[in-house]
Amino acid sequence: MLQMASGCKGPEDVPAIDALHELPFAGREARIHVLGGGQATDSALGPGGHEQFSTVILGRVTTRTWGQLAPHVAPAPKGNTHPGRVHVVRGLTAHPT
């Protein structure tokens, strides 16, 4: 449907995706806040795109996912199965909430 409506060959040709790739890199310079959400396997931001975020919120993730999104905080803290509990990673520390 997207291809017929806009004439795009695929998701990589959509202008909004191009803007999404550039937005996190301009965030601090443009004095804006960017929030991103998704699965650990999302590649919408491209390789290393998650590194542009100063704060990462991780809830109920595997050790492998922790290693991908917050490798500088090791070892990964023990997860909590209580609904709503997450770890907020900022800088070199992880804070349970």
PDB file of N, CA and C in Angstrom:
ATOM      1  N   MET A   1       0.815  -1.176   0.000  1.00  0.00           N
ATOM      2  CA  MET A   1       0.000   0.000   0.000  1.00  0.00           C
ATOM      3  C   MET A   1       0.865   1.248   0.000  1.00  0.00           C
ATOM      4  N   LEU A   2       1.938   1.236   0.784  1.00  0.00           N
ATOM      5  CA  LEU A   2       2.845   2.368   0.833  1.00  0.00           C
ATOM      6  C   LEU A   2       3.486   2.591  -0.539  1.00  0.00           C
ATOM      7  N   GLN A   3       3.820   1.511  -1.199  1.00  0.00           N
ATOM      8  CA  GLN A   3       4.461   1.633  -2.497  1.00  0.00           C
ATOM      9  C   GLN A   3       3.526   2.256  -3.520  1.00  0.00           C
ATOM     10  N   MET A   4       2.274   1.869  -3.485  1.00  0.00           N
ATOM     11  CA  MET A   4       1.320   2.414  -4.449  1.00  0.00           C
ATOM     12  C   MET A   4       0.991   3.869  -4.131  1.00  0.00           C
ATOM     13  N   ALA A   5       0.883   4.202  -2.853  1.00  0.00           N
ATOM     14  CA  ALA A   5       0.456   5.544  -2.473  1.00  0.00           C
ATOM     15  C   ALA A   5       1.531   6.593  -2.730  1.00  0.00           C
ATOM     16  N   SER A   6       2.776   6.275  -2.472  1.00  0.00           N
ATOM     17  CA  SER A   6       3.813   7.286  -2.582  1.00  0.00           C
ATOM     18  C   SER A   6       4.801   7.037  -3.716  1.00  0.00           C
ATOM     19  N   GLY A   7       4.705   5.906  -4.361  1.00  0.00           N
ATOM     20  CA  GLY A   7       5.627   5.591  -5.438  1.00  0.00           C
ATOM     21  C   GLY A   7       6.990   5.142  -4.947  1.00  0.00           C
ATOM     22  N   CYS A   8       7.126   4.831  -3.687  1.00  0.00           N
ATOM     23  CA  CYS A   8       8.395   4.401  -3.112  1.00  0.00           C
ATOM     24  C   CYS A   8       8.628   2.937  -3.437  1.00  0.00           C
ATOM     25  N   LYS A   9       9.892   2.586  -3.587  1.00  0.00           N
ATOM     26  CA  LYS A   9      10.239   1.200  -3.876  1.00  0.00           C
ATOM     27  C   LYS A   9      10.280   0.343  -2.619  1.00  0.00           C
ATOM     28  N   GLY A  10      10.499   0.951  -1.471  1.00  0.00           N
ATOM     29  CA  GLY A  10      10.568   0.210  -0.218  1.00  0.00           C
ATOM     30  C   GLY A  10      10.706   1.160   0.945  1.00  0.00           C
ATOM     31  N   PRO A  11      10.768   0.615   2.170  1.00  0.00           N
ATOM     32  CA  PRO A  11      10.853   1.467   3.354  1.00  0.00           C
ATOM     33  C   PRO A  11      12.075   2.387   3.353  1.00  0.00           C
ATOM     34  N   GLU A  12      13.157   1.939   2.719  1.00  0.00           N
ATOM     35  CA  GLU A  12      14.362   2.764   2.706  1.00  0.00           C
ATOM     36  C   GLU A  12      14.220   4.018   1.840  1.00  0.00           C
ATOM     37  N   ASP A  13      13.189   4.084   1.001  1.00  0.00           N
ATOM     38  CA  ASP A  13      12.969   5.237   0.134  1.00  0.00           C
ATOM     39  C   ASP A  13      12.005   6.261   0.722  1.00  0.00           C
ATOM     40  N   VAL A  14      11.450   5.987   1.882  1.00  0.00           N
ATOM     41  CA  VAL A  14      10.475   6.890   2.485  1.00  0.00           C
ATOM     42  C   VAL A  14      11.211   8.065   3.135  1.00  0.00           C
ATOM     43  N   PRO A  15      10.867   9.309   2.800  1.00  0.00           N
ATOM     44  CA  PRO A  15      11.561  10.468   3.380  1.00  0.00           C
ATOM     45  C   PRO A  15      11.506  10.526   4.903  1.00  0.00           C
ATOM     46  N   ALA A  16      10.443  10.035   5.503  1.00  0.00           N
ATOM     47  CA  ALA A  16      10.330  10.059   6.966  1.00  0.00           C
ATOM     48  C   ALA A  16      11.405   9.187   7.611  1.00  0.00           C
ATOM     49  N   ILE A  17      11.755   8.082   6.981  1.00  0.00           N
ATOM     50  CA  ILE A  17      12.804   7.210   7.516  1.00  0.00           C
ATOM     51  C   ILE A  17      14.151   7.917   7.442  1.00  0.00           C
ATOM     52  N   ASP A  18      14.409   8.637   6.351  1.00  0.00           N
ATOM     53  CA  ASP A  18      15.647   9.406   6.249  1.00  0.00           C
ATOM     54  C   ASP A  18      15.723  10.450   7.353  1.00  0.00           C
ATOM     55  N   ALA A  19      14.613  11.126   7.615  1.00  0.00           N
ATOM     56  CA  ALA A  19      14.583  12.138   8.670  1.00  0.00           C
ATOM     57  C   ALA A  19      14.814  11.500  10.037  1.00  0.00           C
ATOM     58  N   LEU A  20      14.264  10.312  10.254  1.00  0.00           N
ATOM     59  CA  LEU A  20      14.449   9.612  11.524  1.00  0.00           C
ATOM     60  C   LEU A  20      15.915   9.263  11.729  1.00  0.00           C
ATOM     61  N   HIS A  21      16.617   8.920  10.674  1.00  0.00           N
ATOM     62  CA  HIS A  21      18.044   8.602  10.777  1.00  0.00           C
ATOM     63  C   HIS A  21      18.849   9.834  11.171  1.00  0.00           C
ATOM     64  N   GLU A  22      18.478  11.007  10.698  1.00  0.00           N
ATOM     65  CA  GLU A  22      19.230  12.226  10.953  1.00  0.00           C
ATOM     66  C   GLU A  22      18.853  12.898  12.278  1.00  0.00           C
ATOM     67  N   LEU A  23      17.635  12.698  12.735  1.00  0.00           N
ATOM     68  CA  LEU A  23      17.125  13.392  13.917  1.00  0.00           C
ATOM     69  C   LEU A  23      17.957  13.190  15.178  1.00  0.00           C
ATOM     70  N   PRO A  24      18.317  11.967  15.572  1.00  0.00           N
ATOM     71  CA  PRO A  24      19.089  11.807  16.809  1.00  0.00           C
ATOM     72  C   PRO A  24      20.456  12.494  16.747  1.00  0.00           C
ATOM     73  N   PHE A  25      21.036  12.580  15.568  1.00  0.00           N
ATOM     74  CA  PHE A  25      22.354  13.183  15.432  1.00  0.00           C
ATOM     75  C   PHE A  25      22.284  14.701  15.535  1.00  0.00           C
ATOM     76  N   ALA A  26      21.122  15.285  15.281  1.00  0.00           N
ATOM     77  CA  ALA A  26      20.935  16.734  15.379  1.00  0.00           C
ATOM     78  C   ALA A  26      20.293  17.132  16.696  1.00  0.00           C
ATOM     79  N   GLY A  27      19.896  16.169  17.505  1.00  0.00           N
ATOM     80  CA  GLY A  27      19.151  16.427  18.733  1.00  0.00           C
ATOM     81  C   GLY A  27      19.797  17.410  19.677  1.00  0.00           C
ATOM     82  N   ARG A  28      21.031  17.173  20.059  1.00  0.00           N
ATOM     83  CA  ARG A  28      21.680  18.058  21.021  1.00  0.00           C
ATOM     84  C   ARG A  28      21.959  19.417  20.406  1.00  0.00           C
ATOM     85  N   GLU A  29      22.352  19.429  19.166  1.00  0.00           N
ATOM     86  CA  GLU A  29      22.650  20.679  18.479  1.00  0.00           C
ATOM     87  C   GLU A  29      21.398  21.533  18.316  1.00  0.00           C
ATOM     88  N   ALA A  30      20.289  20.890  17.996  1.00  0.00           N
ATOM     89  CA  ALA A  30      19.038  21.608  17.753  1.00  0.00           C
ATOM     90  C   ALA A  30      18.273  21.888  19.045  1.00  0.00           C
ATOM     91  N   ARG A  31      18.797  21.432  20.177  1.00  0.00           N
ATOM     92  CA  ARG A  31      18.163  21.603  21.484  1.00  0.00           C
ATOM     93  C   ARG A  31      16.744  21.021  21.518  1.00  0.00           C
ATOM     94  N   ILE A  32      16.642  19.797  21.059  1.00  0.00           N
ATOM     95  CA  ILE A  32      15.371  19.087  21.082  1.00  0.00           C
ATOM     96  C   ILE A  32      15.561  17.770  21.809  1.00  0.00           C
ATOM     97  N   HIS A  33      14.473  17.201  22.253  1.00  0.00           N
ATOM     98  CA  HIS A  33      14.500  15.896  22.905  1.00  0.00           C
ATOM     99  C   HIS A  33      13.907  14.879  21.950  1.00  0.00           C
ATOM    100  N   VAL A  34      14.569  13.744  21.827  1.00  0.00           N
ATOM    101  CA  VAL A  34      14.114  12.675  20.946  1.00  0.00           C
ATOM    102  C   VAL A  34      13.856  11.437  21.790  1.00  0.00           C
ATOM    103  N   LEU A  35      12.670  10.895  21.684  1.00  0.00           N
ATOM    104  CA  LEU A  35      12.323   9.652  22.367  1.00  0.00           C
ATOM    105  C   LEU A  35      12.174   8.568  21.321  1.00  0.00           C
ATOM    106  N   GLY A  36      12.768   7.433  21.575  1.00  0.00           N
ATOM    107  CA  GLY A  36      12.646   6.306  20.650  1.00  0.00           C
ATOM    108  C   GLY A  36      12.224   5.073  21.413  1.00  0.00           C
ATOM    109  N   GLY A  37      11.410   4.282  20.808  1.00  0.00           N
ATOM    110  CA  GLY A  37      10.973   3.051  21.446  1.00  0.00           C
ATOM    111  C   GLY A  37      10.920   1.948  20.416  1.00  0.00           C
ATOM    112  N   GLY A  38      11.194   0.744  20.852  1.00  0.00           N
ATOM    113  CA  GLY A  38      11.123  -0.363  19.911  1.00  0.00           C
ATOM    114  C   GLY A  38      11.788  -1.595  20.467  1.00  0.00           C
ATOM    115  N   GLN A  39      11.870  -2.567  19.640  1.00  0.00           N
ATOM    116  CA  GLN A  39      12.508  -3.820  19.998  1.00  0.00           C
ATOM    117  C   GLN A  39      14.017  -3.665  19.849  1.00  0.00           C
ATOM    118  N   ALA A  40      14.731  -4.532  20.518  1.00  0.00           N
ATOM    119  CA  ALA A  40      16.194  -4.480  20.447  1.00  0.00           C
ATOM    120  C   ALA A  40      16.691  -4.754  19.028  1.00  0.00           C
ATOM    121  N   THR A  41      15.894  -5.437  18.237  1.00  0.00           N
ATOM    122  CA  THR A  41      16.317  -5.779  16.882  1.00  0.00           C
ATOM    123  C   THR A  41      15.929  -4.716  15.866  1.00  0.00           C
ATOM    124  N   ASP A  42      15.252  -3.645  16.310  1.00  0.00           N
ATOM    125  CA  ASP A  42      14.884  -2.578  15.387  1.00  0.00           C
ATOM    126  C   ASP A  42      16.137  -1.971  14.781  1.00  0.00           C
ATOM    127  N   SER A  43      16.103  -1.749  13.488  1.00  0.00           N
ATOM    128  CA  SER A  43      17.244  -1.113  12.839  1.00  0.00           C
ATOM    129  C   SER A  43      16.833   0.204  12.202  1.00  0.00           C
ATOM    130  N   ALA A  44      15.762   0.804  12.684  1.00  0.00           N
ATOM    131  CA  ALA A  44      15.276   2.054  12.097  1.00  0.00           C
ATOM    132  C   ALA A  44      16.305   3.166  12.221  1.00  0.00           C
ATOM    133  N   LEU A  45      17.091   3.157  13.296  1.00  0.00           N
ATOM    134  CA  LEU A  45      18.104   4.187  13.493  1.00  0.00           C
ATOM    135  C   LEU A  45      19.437   3.822  12.868  1.00  0.00           C
ATOM    136  N   GLY A  46      19.537   2.638  12.328  1.00  0.00           N
ATOM    137  CA  GLY A  46      20.790   2.207  11.733  1.00  0.00           C
ATOM    138  C   GLY A  46      21.743   1.677  12.788  1.00  0.00           C
ATOM    139  N   PRO A  47      22.878   1.163  12.342  1.00  0.00           N
ATOM    140  CA  PRO A  47      23.831   0.608  13.298  1.00  0.00           C
ATOM    141  C   PRO A  47      24.385   1.699  14.221  1.00  0.00           C
ATOM    142  N   GLY A  48      24.343   1.455  15.492  1.00  0.00           N
ATOM    143  CA  GLY A  48      24.861   2.413  16.461  1.00  0.00           C
ATOM    144  C   GLY A  48      23.961   3.600  16.736  1.00  0.00           C
ATOM    145  N   GLY A  49      22.775   3.602  16.191  1.00  0.00           N
ATOM    146  CA  GLY A  49      21.869   4.725  16.395  1.00  0.00           C
ATOM    147  C   GLY A  49      21.461   4.916  17.827  1.00  0.00           C
ATOM    148  N   HIS A  50      21.380   3.800  18.571  1.00  0.00           N
ATOM    149  CA  HIS A  50      20.981   3.899  19.975  1.00  0.00           C
ATOM    150  C   HIS A  50      22.035   4.622  20.814  1.00  0.00           C
ATOM    151  N   GLU A  51      23.251   4.734  20.315  1.00  0.00           N
ATOM    152  CA  GLU A  51      24.313   5.407  21.058  1.00  0.00           C
ATOM    153  C   GLU A  51      24.100   6.914  21.133  1.00  0.00           C
ATOM    154  N   GLN A  52      23.192   7.453  20.352  1.00  0.00           N
ATOM    155  CA  GLN A  52      22.921   8.888  20.360  1.00  0.00           C
ATOM    156  C   GLN A  52      22.009   9.300  21.505  1.00  0.00           C
ATOM    157  N   PHE A  53      21.476   8.347  22.236  1.00  0.00           N
ATOM    158  CA  PHE A  53      20.577   8.645  23.344  1.00  0.00           C
ATOM    159  C   PHE A  53      21.366   8.672  24.645  1.00  0.00           C
ATOM    160  N   SER A  54      21.161   9.715  25.457  1.00  0.00           N
ATOM    161  CA  SER A  54      21.904   9.832  26.707  1.00  0.00           C
ATOM    162  C   SER A  54      21.321   8.945  27.805  1.00  0.00           C
ATOM    163  N   THR A  55      20.057   8.603  27.692  1.00  0.00           N
ATOM    164  CA  THR A  55      19.398   7.771  28.691  1.00  0.00           C
ATOM    165  C   THR A  55      18.709   6.599  28.002  1.00  0.00           C
ATOM    166  N   VAL A  56      18.916   5.414  28.534  1.00  0.00           N
ATOM    167  CA  VAL A  56      18.291   4.204  27.988  1.00  0.00           C
ATOM    168  C   VAL A  56      17.474   3.571  29.105  1.00  0.00           C
ATOM    169  N   ILE A  57      16.234   3.235  28.817  1.00  0.00           N
ATOM    170  CA  ILE A  57      15.366   2.597  29.807  1.00  0.00           C
ATOM    171  C   ILE A  57      15.144   1.157  29.369  1.00  0.00           C
ATOM    172  N   LEU A  58      15.566   0.223  30.203  1.00  0.00           N
ATOM    173  CA  LEU A  58      15.484  -1.195  29.872  1.00  0.00           C
ATOM    174  C   LEU A  58      14.628  -1.907  30.909  1.00  0.00           C
ATOM    175  N   GLY A  59      13.648  -2.627  30.435  1.00  0.00           N
ATOM    176  CA  GLY A  59      12.781  -3.388  31.318  1.00  0.00           C
ATOM    177  C   GLY A  59      12.608  -4.803  30.810  1.00  0.00           C
ATOM    178  N   ARG A  60      12.874  -5.758  31.655  1.00  0.00           N
ATOM    179  CA  ARG A  60      12.697  -7.179  31.344  1.00  0.00           C
ATOM    180  C   ARG A  60      13.430  -7.572  30.066  1.00  0.00           C
ATOM    181  N   VAL A  61      14.720  -7.275  30.026  1.00  0.00           N
ATOM    182  CA  VAL A  61      15.531  -7.614  28.851  1.00  0.00           C
ATOM    183  C   VAL A  61      16.488  -8.737  29.195  1.00  0.00           C
ATOM    184  N   THR A  62      16.940  -9.422  28.171  1.00  0.00           N
ATOM    185  CA  THR A  62      17.900 -10.504  28.358  1.00  0.00           C
ATOM    186  C   THR A  62      19.302  -9.933  28.537  1.00  0.00           C
ATOM    187  N   THR A  63      20.211 -10.762  28.978  1.00  0.00           N
ATOM    188  CA  THR A  63      21.599 -10.336  29.134  1.00  0.00           C
ATOM    189  C   THR A  63      22.189  -9.920  27.798  1.00  0.00           C
ATOM    190  N   ARG A  64      21.808 -10.610  26.751  1.00  0.00           N
ATOM    191  CA  ARG A  64      22.301 -10.283  25.403  1.00  0.00           C
ATOM    192  C   ARG A  64      21.815  -8.894  24.977  1.00  0.00           C
ATOM    193  N   THR A  65      20.548  -8.609  25.190  1.00  0.00           N
ATOM    194  CA  THR A  65      19.999  -7.298  24.844  1.00  0.00           C
ATOM    195  C   THR A  65      20.669  -6.218  25.671  1.00  0.00           C
ATOM    196  N   TRP A  66      20.878  -6.487  26.954  1.00  0.00           N
ATOM    197  CA  TRP A  66      21.563  -5.522  27.806  1.00  0.00           C
ATOM    198  C   TRP A  66      22.952  -5.233  27.233  1.00  0.00           C
ATOM    199  N   GLY A  67      23.642  -6.276  26.819  1.00  0.00           N
ATOM    200  CA  GLY A  67      24.978  -6.116  26.258  1.00  0.00           C
ATOM    201  C   GLY A  67      24.990  -5.305  24.970  1.00  0.00           C
ATOM    202  N   GLN A  68      23.907  -5.353  24.212  1.00  0.00           N
ATOM    203  CA  GLN A  68      23.818  -4.589  22.971  1.00  0.00           C
ATOM    204  C   GLN A  68      23.495  -3.123  23.241  1.00  0.00           C
ATOM    205  N   LEU A  69      22.597  -2.857  24.185  1.00  0.00           N
ATOM    206  CA  LEU A  69      22.111  -1.495  24.391  1.00  0.00           C
ATOM    207  C   LEU A  69      22.830  -0.738  25.510  1.00  0.00           C
ATOM    208  N   ALA A  70      23.445  -1.437  26.428  1.00  0.00           N
ATOM    209  CA  ALA A  70      24.180  -0.783  27.515  1.00  0.00           C
ATOM    210  C   ALA A  70      25.440  -1.585  27.846  1.00  0.00           C
ATOM    211  N   PRO A  71      26.336  -1.753  26.878  1.00  0.00           N
ATOM    212  CA  PRO A  71      27.527  -2.591  27.123  1.00  0.00           C
ATOM    213  C   PRO A  71      28.492  -1.991  28.131  1.00  0.00           C
ATOM    214  N   HIS A  72      28.426  -0.692  28.351  1.00  0.00           N
ATOM    215  CA  HIS A  72      29.335  -0.024  29.279  1.00  0.00           C
ATOM    216  C   HIS A  72      28.967  -0.262  30.741  1.00  0.00           C
ATOM    217  N   VAL A  73      27.791  -0.823  31.005  1.00  0.00           N
ATOM    218  CA  VAL A  73      27.381  -1.158  32.368  1.00  0.00           C
ATOM    219  C   VAL A  73      27.432  -2.675  32.486  1.00  0.00           C
ATOM    220  N   ALA A  74      28.471  -3.163  33.142  1.00  0.00           N
ATOM    221  CA  ALA A  74      28.628  -4.609  33.260  1.00  0.00           C
ATOM    222  C   ALA A  74      29.013  -4.924  34.703  1.00  0.00           C
ATOM    223  N   PRO A  75      28.573  -6.018  35.211  1.00  0.00           N
ATOM    224  CA  PRO A  75      27.637  -6.970  34.616  1.00  0.00           C
ATOM    225  C   PRO A  75      26.213  -6.421  34.635  1.00  0.00           C
ATOM    226  N   ALA A  76      25.399  -7.019  33.803  1.00  0.00           N
ATOM    227  CA  ALA A  76      23.998  -6.601  33.731  1.00  0.00           C
ATOM    228  C   ALA A  76      23.315  -6.897  35.062  1.00  0.00           C
ATOM    229  N   PRO A  77      22.561  -5.936  35.592  1.00  0.00           N
ATOM    230  CA  PRO A  77      21.868  -6.190  36.858  1.00  0.00           C
ATOM    231  C   PRO A  77      20.810  -7.278  36.714  1.00  0.00           C
ATOM    232  N   LYS A  78      20.506  -7.909  37.815  1.00  0.00           N
ATOM    233  CA  LYS A  78      19.477  -8.949  37.811  1.00  0.00           C
ATOM    234  C   LYS A  78      18.131  -8.305  37.499  1.00  0.00           C
ATOM    235  N   GLY A  79      17.397  -8.914  36.583  1.00  0.00           N
ATOM    236  CA  GLY A  79      16.103  -8.390  36.179  1.00  0.00           C
ATOM    237  C   GLY A  79      15.049  -8.558  37.255  1.00  0.00           C
ATOM    238  N   ASN A  80      13.986  -7.793  37.128  1.00  0.00           N
ATOM    239  CA  ASN A  80      12.883  -7.850  38.068  1.00  0.00           C
ATOM    240  C   ASN A  80      11.626  -8.180  37.271  1.00  0.00           C
ATOM    241  N   THR A  81      10.880  -9.158  37.706  1.00  0.00           N
ATOM    242  CA  THR A  81       9.680  -9.559  36.968  1.00  0.00           C
ATOM    243  C   THR A  81       8.445  -8.783  37.412  1.00  0.00           C
ATOM    244  N   HIS A  82       8.603  -7.890  38.361  1.00  0.00           N
ATOM    245  CA  HIS A  82       7.480  -7.079  38.817  1.00  0.00           C
ATOM    246  C   HIS A  82       7.088  -6.106  37.710  1.00  0.00           C
ATOM    247  N   PRO A  83       5.820  -6.079  37.303  1.00  0.00           N
ATOM    248  CA  PRO A  83       5.405  -5.179  36.222  1.00  0.00           C
ATOM    249  C   PRO A  83       5.720  -3.719  36.537  1.00  0.00           C
ATOM    250  N   GLY A  84       6.253  -3.020  35.557  1.00  0.00           N
ATOM    251  CA  GLY A  84       6.557  -1.609  35.716  1.00  0.00           C
ATOM    252  C   GLY A  84       7.954  -1.310  36.216  1.00  0.00           C
ATOM    253  N   ARG A  85       8.700  -2.320  36.612  1.00  0.00           N
ATOM    254  CA  ARG A  85      10.060  -2.106  37.106  1.00  0.00           C
ATOM    255  C   ARG A  85      11.025  -2.114  35.927  1.00  0.00           C
ATOM    256  N   VAL A  86      11.878  -1.104  35.874  1.00  0.00           N
ATOM    257  CA  VAL A  86      12.851  -0.979  34.790  1.00  0.00           C
ATOM    258  C   VAL A  86      14.183  -0.509  35.366  1.00  0.00           C
ATOM    259  N   HIS A  87      15.200  -0.532  34.540  1.00  0.00           N
ATOM    260  CA  HIS A  87      16.496   0.046  34.873  1.00  0.00           C
ATOM    261  C   HIS A  87      16.712   1.245  33.963  1.00  0.00           C
ATOM    262  N   VAL A  88      17.095   2.346  34.543  1.00  0.00           N
ATOM    263  CA  VAL A  88      17.402   3.553  33.789  1.00  0.00           C
ATOM    264  C   VAL A  88      18.922   3.654  33.722  1.00  0.00           C
ATOM    265  N   VAL A  89      19.444   3.581  32.518  1.00  0.00           N
ATOM    266  CA  VAL A  89      20.893   3.633  32.316  1.00  0.00           C
ATOM    267  C   VAL A  89      21.253   5.022  31.840  1.00  0.00           C
ATOM    268  N   ARG A  90      22.087   5.674  32.622  1.00  0.00           N
ATOM    269  CA  ARG A  90      22.560   7.005  32.262  1.00  0.00           C
ATOM    270  C   ARG A  90      24.033   7.086  32.636  1.00  0.00           C
ATOM    271  N   GLY A  91      24.835   7.432  31.667  1.00  0.00           N
ATOM    272  CA  GLY A  91      26.274   7.442  31.904  1.00  0.00           C
ATOM    273  C   GLY A  91      26.772   6.033  32.103  1.00  0.00           C
ATOM    274  N   LEU A  92      27.506   5.828  33.181  1.00  0.00           N
ATOM    275  CA  LEU A  92      28.092   4.516  33.456  1.00  0.00           C
ATOM    276  C   LEU A  92      27.367   3.755  34.544  1.00  0.00           C
ATOM    277  N   THR A  93      26.155   4.210  34.896  1.00  0.00           N
ATOM    278  CA  THR A  93      25.427   3.553  35.977  1.00  0.00           C
ATOM    279  C   THR A  93      24.008   3.178  35.548  1.00  0.00           C
ATOM    280  N   ALA A  94      23.480   2.158  36.203  1.00  0.00           N
ATOM    281  CA  ALA A  94      22.101   1.725  35.987  1.00  0.00           C
ATOM    282  C   ALA A  94      21.356   1.873  37.308  1.00  0.00           C
ATOM    283  N   HIS A  95      20.236   2.537  37.265  1.00  0.00           N
ATOM    284  CA  HIS A  95      19.428   2.774  38.466  1.00  0.00           C
ATOM    285  C   HIS A  95      18.126   2.008  38.362  1.00  0.00           C
ATOM    286  N   PRO A  96      17.819   1.105  39.295  1.00  0.00           N
ATOM    287  CA  PRO A  96      16.530   0.417  39.281  1.00  0.00           C
ATOM    288  C   PRO A  96      15.430   1.364  39.732  1.00  0.00           C
ATOM    289  N   THR A  97      14.268   1.225  39.128  1.00  0.00           N
ATOM    290  CA  THR A  97      13.124   2.060  39.524  1.00  0.00           C
ATOM    291  C   THR A  97      11.957   1.182  39.888  1.00  0.00           C
TER     292      THR A  97
END
